[in-house]
Amino acid sequence: MISVASCFSQLLSLVDRAAFARAVRKHQAERGAKGFSCWEQFVAMLFCQMGAAHSLREICGGLATAMGKLAHLGLRQAPTRSTLSYANTHRPWQLYQTVFEDLLQRCQVLAANKKRRFRFKHPLRSLDASVIELCIKVFDWARFQRTKGAIKLHLQLDHQGCLPCWAVVTDGDTNDVRVAQKLEFAPGTIVVIDRGYLDYALYERWTRSGVYFVTRSRTNMLYEVLEKREVPMRGNVKSDEIIRLTSEHARERCTSRLRQVVVWDAEKECELFFLTNIFHLAASTIGAIYKDRWQIELFFKALKQNLKIKTFVGTSENAVNVQIWTALIAMLLLKFLLLKSTWAWSLSNLAAMLRFNLLTYRDLWAWLDAPFKIPITVPEGEQLTLLR
């Protein structure tokens, strides 16, 4: 760690430069490059995310004003707009997906030591997707409807630390189920999904491979009750039943026994029907697992509110993917800081405060634990003397 460096420089030190170089060679990302490296592109795009820059002009201008601080960032000089635009358009976005996966492993090791919300030791994952609207006249490759453009970000959230552990960007009209069908989970994993992922054949495949799921039942689902389980006198569980699907469509695709739990929602004053293949956990736990799915909704909200993922500095498909993956990397870095800090940060507050101090000289790790007590460090030779 550099003894005197900006918070941004210390944040970049979390990215393994050797692993980054291997990823560059793997994807041949610098083939034909002349002077402007992939690391410099990455620093510029991460500055866009952490500094909330709205355009290429703000990215390049903001880095240019950093003056002597660029050396600590691994930059020789601030890029020009045309150079950065060309790199975002032509260099493979898969490079940043690889960087994301490498950083994710470090975050998961740190999150594994945190206290679990549930007593069971099954890995808990949530699947969901969010549509990002685009102007069809500018992003003509992202046609969604006749007069609209959009892409869809599919995400898998690891509830141990609320880390995004998998993502893919597709066309706006791609069905969520089609994406889920391509995923593989380790036996014992609990996958939480909403009704948008309805696929009885997928439920059967997961059940046979030892993967658990929790979802909402369809209101018109046909089934027969095989067994009624006892429910506690107190609590919000109304019924707990072992069922078998009876409709012709469902019976052909799913022959396994399932479990339906009915829970009373006091806030909405209605009954919630949950469908699962988990038989060894309490009915109240099934309801709590689905309620915890709200974490992925909060993640999408935080991603869109605190990072640059709704407006883009490039118009090509590759440039959009580069910006999305650097946003996910920035989110991992913020999550890493939250996991390391003892201060009661919210993610939005941390993102804002870090943005204000991005290029200031502070001990980042001391500042995380005492943000209002750690003074700015002035390097030797930069003190200003007052003239009498």
Protein backbone atom coordinates (compact mmCIF):
# COMPACT_ATOMS: atom_id res chain seq x y z
CA MET A 1 0.00 0.00 0.00
CA ILE A 2 1.29 3.45 -0.94
CA SER A 3 1.87 5.47 2.25
CA VAL A 4 0.56 8.72 0.76
CA ALA A 5 -1.92 8.34 -2.07
CA SER A 6 -5.45 9.32 -3.01
CA CYS A 7 -8.44 7.25 -1.92
CA PHE A 8 -8.98 6.34 -5.58
CA SER A 9 -5.44 4.97 -5.81
CA GLN A 10 -5.91 2.88 -2.67
CA LEU A 11 -9.21 1.61 -4.05
CA LEU A 12 -7.53 0.57 -7.30
CA SER A 13 -4.93 -1.37 -5.29
CA LEU A 14 -7.69 -3.89 -4.50
CA VAL A 15 -7.58 -5.00 -8.14
CA ASP A 16 -4.78 -7.50 -8.73
CA ARG A 17 -2.62 -5.99 -11.47
CA ALA A 18 -1.05 -9.36 -12.30
CA ALA A 19 -4.49 -10.95 -12.72
CA PHE A 20 -5.56 -7.95 -14.78
CA ALA A 21 -2.56 -8.41 -17.08
CA ARG A 22 -3.40 -12.11 -17.49
CA ALA A 23 -6.96 -11.18 -18.43
CA VAL A 24 -5.67 -8.71 -21.02
CA ARG A 25 -3.53 -11.43 -22.61
CA LYS A 26 -6.37 -13.94 -22.45
CA HIS A 27 -8.75 -11.71 -24.40
CA GLN A 28 -6.01 -10.12 -26.56
CA ALA A 29 -7.48 -6.80 -25.52
CA GLU A 30 -4.40 -4.74 -26.40
CA ARG A 31 -3.87 -6.20 -29.85
CA GLY A 32 -2.94 -3.29 -32.10
CA ALA A 33 -3.00 -0.83 -29.19
CA LYS A 34 -0.79 2.23 -29.52
CA GLY A 35 0.05 3.87 -26.21
CA PHE A 36 -3.32 3.68 -24.42
CA SER A 37 -3.39 0.54 -22.25
CA CYS A 38 -6.37 -1.43 -20.98
CA TRP A 39 -5.44 -0.48 -17.42
CA GLU A 40 -5.72 3.20 -18.35
CA GLN A 41 -9.11 2.53 -19.93
CA PHE A 42 -10.21 0.68 -16.79
CA VAL A 43 -9.09 3.52 -14.51
CA ALA A 44 -10.96 6.04 -16.65
CA MET A 45 -14.20 4.02 -16.68
CA LEU A 46 -13.97 3.28 -12.95
CA PHE A 47 -13.48 7.02 -12.39
CA CYS A 48 -16.69 7.49 -14.38
CA GLN A 49 -18.51 5.20 -11.94
CA MET A 50 -16.98 6.39 -8.66
CA GLY A 51 -16.92 10.05 -9.64
CA ALA A 52 -20.39 10.03 -11.23
CA ALA A 53 -19.12 11.53 -14.49
CA HIS A 54 -21.87 12.12 -17.05
CA SER A 55 -19.81 12.21 -20.25
CA LEU A 56 -16.44 11.48 -21.81
CA ARG A 57 -15.62 15.16 -21.39
CA GLU A 58 -16.14 14.93 -17.61
CA ILE A 59 -14.09 11.72 -17.35
CA CYS A 60 -11.12 13.07 -19.26
CA GLY A 61 -11.37 16.55 -17.73
CA GLY A 62 -11.66 15.17 -14.21
CA LEU A 63 -8.57 13.02 -14.65
CA ALA A 64 -6.67 15.90 -16.28
CA THR A 65 -7.25 18.07 -13.20
CA ALA A 66 -5.73 15.35 -10.98
CA MET A 67 -2.29 16.53 -12.16
CA GLY A 68 0.45 14.76 -10.14
CA LYS A 69 -1.98 12.19 -8.71
CA LEU A 70 -2.17 10.30 -12.02
CA ALA A 71 1.09 8.43 -11.39
CA HIS A 72 -0.42 6.69 -8.37
CA LEU A 73 -3.35 5.62 -10.55
CA GLY A 74 -1.07 3.98 -13.11
CA LEU A 75 -1.71 6.65 -15.75
CA ARG A 76 0.93 8.48 -17.72
CA GLN A 77 -1.49 11.22 -18.71
CA ALA A 78 -5.24 11.81 -18.90
CA PRO A 79 -6.79 10.22 -22.02
CA THR A 80 -8.45 12.26 -24.73
CA ARG A 81 -12.13 11.79 -25.47
CA SER A 82 -11.52 10.22 -28.87
CA THR A 83 -8.98 7.75 -27.46
CA LEU A 84 -11.28 6.61 -24.65
CA SER A 85 -14.28 6.43 -26.98
CA TYR A 86 -12.35 4.28 -29.47
CA ALA A 87 -11.18 1.92 -26.69
CA ASN A 88 -14.71 1.50 -25.33
CA THR A 89 -16.00 0.71 -28.80
CA HIS A 90 -13.34 -1.76 -29.92
CA ARG A 91 -11.75 -3.43 -26.89
CA PRO A 92 -13.60 -6.57 -25.72
CA TRP A 93 -15.92 -6.03 -22.79
CA GLN A 94 -15.26 -9.65 -21.74
CA LEU A 95 -11.99 -8.38 -20.21
CA TYR A 96 -13.94 -6.61 -17.47
CA GLN A 97 -16.14 -9.62 -16.89
CA THR A 98 -12.96 -11.58 -16.11
CA VAL A 99 -11.75 -8.80 -13.78
CA PHE A 100 -15.15 -8.87 -12.08
CA GLU A 101 -14.94 -12.63 -11.50
CA ASP A 102 -11.44 -12.36 -10.03
CA LEU A 103 -12.48 -9.59 -7.63
CA LEU A 104 -15.63 -11.51 -6.69
CA GLN A 105 -13.54 -14.36 -5.27
CA ARG A 106 -11.79 -11.96 -2.88
CA CYS A 107 -15.09 -10.49 -1.75
CA GLN A 108 -16.63 -13.93 -1.17
CA VAL A 109 -13.72 -14.94 1.06
CA LEU A 110 -14.31 -11.82 3.15
CA ALA A 111 -18.10 -12.27 3.22
CA ALA A 112 -17.79 -15.91 4.35
CA ASN A 113 -16.68 -14.72 7.79
CA LYS A 114 -19.76 -12.56 8.29
CA LYS A 115 -22.71 -13.68 10.38
CA ARG A 116 -25.38 -15.58 8.47
CA ARG A 117 -28.97 -14.38 8.45
CA PHE A 118 -30.35 -17.95 8.52
CA ARG A 119 -29.23 -20.92 10.57
CA PHE A 120 -29.06 -23.32 7.63
CA LYS A 121 -25.76 -23.60 5.75
CA HIS A 122 -27.21 -23.88 2.26
CA PRO A 123 -25.90 -21.25 -0.19
CA LEU A 124 -28.74 -18.80 -0.82
CA ARG A 125 -29.08 -17.19 -4.26
CA SER A 126 -31.67 -14.88 -5.82
CA LEU A 127 -32.33 -14.51 -9.54
CA ASP A 128 -33.90 -11.46 -11.12
CA ALA A 129 -33.58 -9.11 -14.08
CA SER A 130 -33.98 -5.38 -14.64
CA VAL A 131 -34.75 -3.56 -17.87
CA ILE A 132 -32.52 -0.60 -18.79
CA GLU A 133 -34.33 1.67 -21.24
CA LEU A 134 -32.41 3.19 -24.15
CA CYS A 135 -33.24 5.68 -26.88
CA ILE A 136 -33.88 3.68 -30.05
CA LYS A 137 -32.62 6.53 -32.26
CA VAL A 138 -29.23 6.54 -30.54
CA PHE A 139 -28.91 2.84 -29.63
CA ASP A 140 -30.39 1.38 -32.81
CA TRP A 141 -28.96 -2.09 -32.02
CA ALA A 142 -31.05 -2.35 -28.82
CA ARG A 143 -34.48 -2.58 -30.41
CA PHE A 144 -37.08 -3.56 -27.81
CA GLN A 145 -40.40 -2.35 -29.18
CA ARG A 146 -41.37 -0.43 -32.29
CA THR A 147 -40.53 2.94 -30.75
CA LYS A 148 -38.40 1.90 -27.77
CA GLY A 149 -34.98 0.48 -27.10
CA ALA A 150 -33.84 -1.48 -24.07
CA ILE A 151 -31.45 -4.07 -22.73
CA LYS A 152 -31.94 -6.37 -19.77
CA LEU A 153 -29.46 -7.03 -16.97
CA HIS A 154 -29.89 -10.51 -15.47
CA LEU A 155 -28.32 -10.90 -12.06
CA GLN A 156 -27.68 -13.60 -9.49
CA LEU A 157 -27.23 -12.34 -5.94
CA ASP A 158 -25.31 -14.21 -3.24
CA HIS A 159 -27.09 -13.40 0.02
CA GLN A 160 -23.89 -14.00 2.02
CA GLY A 161 -22.68 -10.42 1.81
CA CYS A 162 -25.28 -9.46 -0.84
CA LEU A 163 -22.72 -9.85 -3.61
CA PRO A 164 -23.55 -10.02 -7.32
CA CYS A 165 -22.04 -13.40 -8.21
CA TRP A 166 -23.17 -13.67 -11.84
CA ALA A 167 -24.56 -11.33 -14.49
CA VAL A 168 -25.41 -11.27 -18.19
CA VAL A 169 -26.74 -8.55 -20.48
CA THR A 170 -29.33 -9.53 -23.09
CA ASP A 171 -31.90 -7.96 -25.40
CA GLY A 172 -34.76 -6.25 -23.64
CA ASP A 173 -37.32 -8.85 -24.75
CA THR A 174 -35.32 -11.92 -23.63
CA ASN A 175 -37.44 -14.11 -21.36
CA ASP A 176 -36.04 -14.48 -17.84
CA VAL A 177 -36.71 -18.23 -17.87
CA ARG A 178 -34.52 -18.75 -20.95
CA VAL A 179 -31.57 -17.32 -19.04
CA ALA A 180 -32.29 -19.34 -15.87
CA GLN A 181 -32.43 -22.57 -17.89
CA LYS A 182 -28.75 -22.15 -18.82
CA LEU A 183 -27.55 -21.79 -15.23
CA GLU A 184 -26.03 -24.58 -13.16
CA PHE A 185 -26.05 -24.60 -9.36
CA ALA A 186 -24.20 -26.75 -6.86
CA PRO A 187 -26.34 -29.36 -5.05
CA GLY A 188 -27.78 -27.93 -1.85
CA THR A 189 -28.11 -24.38 -3.19
CA ILE A 190 -31.39 -22.57 -2.51
CA VAL A 191 -32.55 -20.44 -5.46
CA VAL A 192 -35.20 -17.78 -4.81
CA ILE A 193 -37.19 -16.61 -7.85
CA ASP A 194 -40.41 -14.77 -8.54
CA ARG A 195 -43.29 -15.92 -10.74
CA GLY A 196 -41.55 -14.57 -13.83
CA TYR A 197 -39.38 -17.72 -13.78
CA LEU A 198 -42.30 -20.16 -13.98
CA ASP A 199 -41.05 -23.35 -15.65
CA TYR A 200 -42.16 -26.71 -14.28
CA ALA A 201 -39.51 -28.55 -16.30
CA LEU A 202 -36.86 -26.36 -14.67
CA TYR A 203 -38.32 -27.15 -11.23
CA GLU A 204 -38.06 -30.86 -12.01
CA ARG A 205 -34.45 -30.59 -13.22
CA TRP A 206 -33.43 -28.66 -10.12
CA THR A 207 -35.18 -31.16 -7.84
CA ARG A 208 -33.46 -34.14 -9.46
CA SER A 209 -30.03 -32.45 -9.25
CA GLY A 210 -30.41 -31.58 -5.55
CA VAL A 211 -30.99 -27.85 -6.05
CA TYR A 212 -33.69 -26.24 -3.91
CA PHE A 213 -35.98 -23.41 -5.00
CA VAL A 214 -38.56 -21.10 -3.44
CA THR A 215 -41.04 -19.21 -5.61
CA ARG A 216 -44.60 -17.90 -5.67
CA SER A 217 -47.39 -20.27 -6.73
CA ARG A 218 -49.66 -19.43 -9.62
CA THR A 219 -53.15 -18.43 -8.53
CA ASN A 220 -54.76 -20.92 -10.94
CA MET A 221 -52.35 -23.80 -10.29
CA LEU A 222 -54.05 -27.23 -10.29
CA TYR A 223 -52.83 -29.73 -7.72
CA GLU A 224 -53.86 -32.45 -5.29
CA VAL A 225 -52.95 -32.47 -1.62
CA LEU A 226 -50.97 -35.56 -0.57
CA GLU A 227 -50.28 -34.57 3.02
CA LYS A 228 -51.19 -31.75 5.37
CA ARG A 229 -48.46 -30.75 7.78
CA GLU A 230 -49.07 -29.37 11.23
CA VAL A 231 -48.64 -25.60 11.51
CA PRO A 232 -47.76 -23.70 14.71
CA MET A 233 -50.59 -22.10 16.65
CA ARG A 234 -48.76 -18.78 16.71
CA GLY A 235 -47.22 -17.09 13.75
CA ASN A 236 -48.30 -16.14 10.25
CA VAL A 237 -48.25 -19.63 8.64
CA LYS A 238 -51.78 -20.61 7.56
CA SER A 239 -51.15 -23.98 5.91
CA ASP A 240 -48.33 -26.33 4.98
CA GLU A 241 -49.10 -29.03 2.40
CA ILE A 242 -47.30 -31.66 0.31
CA ILE A 243 -48.80 -31.54 -3.18
CA ARG A 244 -48.58 -33.03 -6.64
CA LEU A 245 -49.31 -31.00 -9.77
CA THR A 246 -52.32 -32.34 -11.69
CA SER A 247 -52.72 -30.19 -14.81
CA GLU A 248 -51.68 -31.97 -18.00
CA HIS A 249 -49.07 -29.34 -18.83
CA ALA A 250 -47.46 -29.41 -15.37
CA ARG A 251 -47.76 -33.18 -14.86
CA GLU A 252 -45.78 -33.90 -18.04
CA ARG A 253 -42.94 -31.62 -16.96
CA CYS A 254 -42.80 -32.08 -13.19
CA THR A 255 -43.54 -35.41 -11.53
CA SER A 256 -41.85 -34.73 -8.20
CA ARG A 257 -43.74 -33.92 -5.05
CA LEU A 258 -43.68 -30.27 -4.06
CA ARG A 259 -44.56 -28.27 -1.00
CA GLN A 260 -46.96 -25.34 -0.78
CA VAL A 261 -46.78 -22.97 2.17
CA VAL A 262 -49.42 -20.30 2.75
CA VAL A 263 -48.36 -17.27 4.81
CA TRP A 264 -50.46 -14.32 5.95
CA ASP A 265 -49.02 -10.92 5.01
CA ALA A 266 -50.18 -8.49 7.69
CA GLU A 267 -49.02 -5.38 5.77
CA LYS A 268 -50.95 -6.14 2.57
CA GLU A 269 -53.63 -8.12 4.43
CA CYS A 270 -53.54 -11.05 2.03
CA GLU A 271 -52.32 -14.63 1.82
CA LEU A 272 -49.06 -15.42 0.02
CA PHE A 273 -48.67 -18.86 -1.60
CA PHE A 274 -45.12 -20.23 -1.85
CA LEU A 275 -44.06 -23.24 -3.89
CA THR A 276 -40.87 -25.09 -3.00
CA ASN A 277 -39.11 -28.46 -3.01
CA ILE A 278 -37.64 -27.92 0.48
CA PHE A 279 -39.15 -30.31 3.00
CA HIS A 280 -36.65 -30.15 5.89
CA LEU A 281 -37.04 -26.48 6.85
CA ALA A 282 -39.85 -24.91 8.86
CA ALA A 283 -42.72 -23.30 6.98
CA SER A 284 -41.94 -19.94 8.56
CA THR A 285 -38.38 -20.22 7.25
CA ILE A 286 -39.71 -20.71 3.71
CA GLY A 287 -41.60 -17.43 4.01
CA ALA A 288 -38.54 -15.68 5.44
CA ILE A 289 -36.36 -16.97 2.58
CA TYR A 290 -38.68 -15.50 -0.03
CA LYS A 291 -38.92 -12.24 1.91
CA ASP A 292 -35.12 -12.00 1.80
CA ARG A 293 -35.40 -12.00 -2.01
CA TRP A 294 -36.07 -8.29 -1.59
CA GLN A 295 -32.29 -7.87 -1.29
CA ILE A 296 -31.88 -8.27 -5.04
CA GLU A 297 -34.49 -5.58 -5.63
CA LEU A 298 -32.56 -3.28 -3.29
CA PHE A 299 -29.35 -4.15 -5.15
CA PHE A 300 -30.80 -3.08 -8.50
CA LYS A 301 -32.06 0.12 -6.90
CA ALA A 302 -28.64 0.89 -5.39
CA LEU A 303 -26.90 0.06 -8.67
CA LYS A 304 -29.05 2.47 -10.66
CA GLN A 305 -29.05 5.25 -8.08
CA ASN A 306 -25.36 5.31 -7.13
CA LEU A 307 -23.55 4.24 -10.31
CA LYS A 308 -23.68 5.15 -13.98
CA ILE A 309 -25.84 2.44 -15.48
CA LYS A 310 -28.91 4.31 -16.78
CA THR A 311 -27.05 6.81 -18.97
CA PHE A 312 -24.07 5.86 -21.09
CA VAL A 313 -20.97 7.65 -22.37
CA GLY A 314 -20.82 5.47 -25.50
CA THR A 315 -23.47 4.36 -27.97
CA SER A 316 -22.09 1.07 -29.33
CA GLU A 317 -23.09 -2.28 -27.85
CA ASN A 318 -19.52 -2.95 -26.74
CA ALA A 319 -19.24 0.44 -25.01
CA VAL A 320 -22.50 -0.16 -23.13
CA ASN A 321 -21.28 -3.56 -21.95
CA VAL A 322 -17.96 -2.06 -20.83
CA GLN A 323 -19.80 0.52 -18.74
CA ILE A 324 -22.15 -2.05 -17.19
CA TRP A 325 -19.33 -4.39 -16.20
CA THR A 326 -17.25 -1.55 -14.74
CA ALA A 327 -20.35 -0.56 -12.75
CA LEU A 328 -20.56 -4.10 -11.36
CA ILE A 329 -16.83 -3.98 -10.51
CA ALA A 330 -17.41 -0.65 -8.74
CA MET A 331 -20.27 -2.23 -6.80
CA LEU A 332 -17.99 -5.09 -5.71
CA LEU A 333 -15.41 -2.56 -4.52
CA LEU A 334 -18.06 -0.72 -2.50
CA LYS A 335 -19.25 -4.02 -1.03
CA PHE A 336 -15.66 -4.87 -0.14
CA LEU A 337 -15.31 -1.57 1.72
CA LEU A 338 -18.58 -2.21 3.56
CA LEU A 339 -17.40 -5.66 4.62
CA LYS A 340 -14.08 -4.27 5.89
CA SER A 341 -15.50 -1.25 7.70
CA THR A 342 -16.72 -1.15 11.31
CA TRP A 343 -18.66 2.08 10.69
CA ALA A 344 -22.42 1.79 10.11
CA TRP A 345 -22.35 2.82 6.45
CA SER A 346 -25.25 2.56 4.06
CA LEU A 347 -24.14 1.82 0.52
CA SER A 348 -25.54 5.07 -0.88
CA ASN A 349 -23.85 7.14 1.86
CA LEU A 350 -20.53 5.38 1.33
CA ALA A 351 -20.71 5.92 -2.44
CA ALA A 352 -21.46 9.63 -1.96
CA MET A 353 -18.79 10.25 0.68
CA LEU A 354 -16.20 8.34 -1.32
CA ARG A 355 -17.06 10.42 -4.38
CA PHE A 356 -16.40 13.62 -2.42
CA ASN A 357 -13.01 12.28 -1.25
CA LEU A 358 -11.99 10.31 -4.32
CA LEU A 359 -8.82 12.29 -5.10
CA THR A 360 -7.97 13.45 -1.59
CA TYR A 361 -4.96 12.07 0.30
CA ARG A 362 -6.30 10.01 3.20
CA ASP A 363 -5.70 6.66 4.78
CA LEU A 364 -8.69 4.94 3.18
CA TRP A 365 -8.97 2.13 5.73
CA ALA A 366 -8.75 4.44 8.74
CA TRP A 367 -11.23 6.80 7.08
CA LEU A 368 -13.72 3.94 6.59
CA ASP A 369 -13.89 3.35 10.35
CA ALA A 370 -13.85 7.04 11.37
CA PRO A 371 -14.93 9.18 8.38
CA PHE A 372 -15.22 12.43 10.36
CA LYS A 373 -12.00 12.13 12.34
CA ILE A 374 -9.31 11.22 9.80
CA PRO A 375 -7.67 14.39 8.40
CA ILE A 376 -6.36 14.87 4.89
CA THR A 377 -2.69 13.91 4.51
CA VAL A 378 -0.54 16.47 2.72
CA PRO A 379 2.53 14.98 0.98
CA GLU A 380 5.88 16.56 1.76
CA GLY A 381 6.73 19.38 -0.61
CA GLU A 382 3.09 20.27 -1.28
CA GLN A 383 2.48 22.41 1.82
CA LEU A 384 1.63 25.98 1.01
CA THR A 385 3.35 28.73 2.99
CA LEU A 386 1.44 31.89 3.74
CA LEU A 387 3.16 35.14 2.78
CA ARG A 388 3.12 37.91 5.33
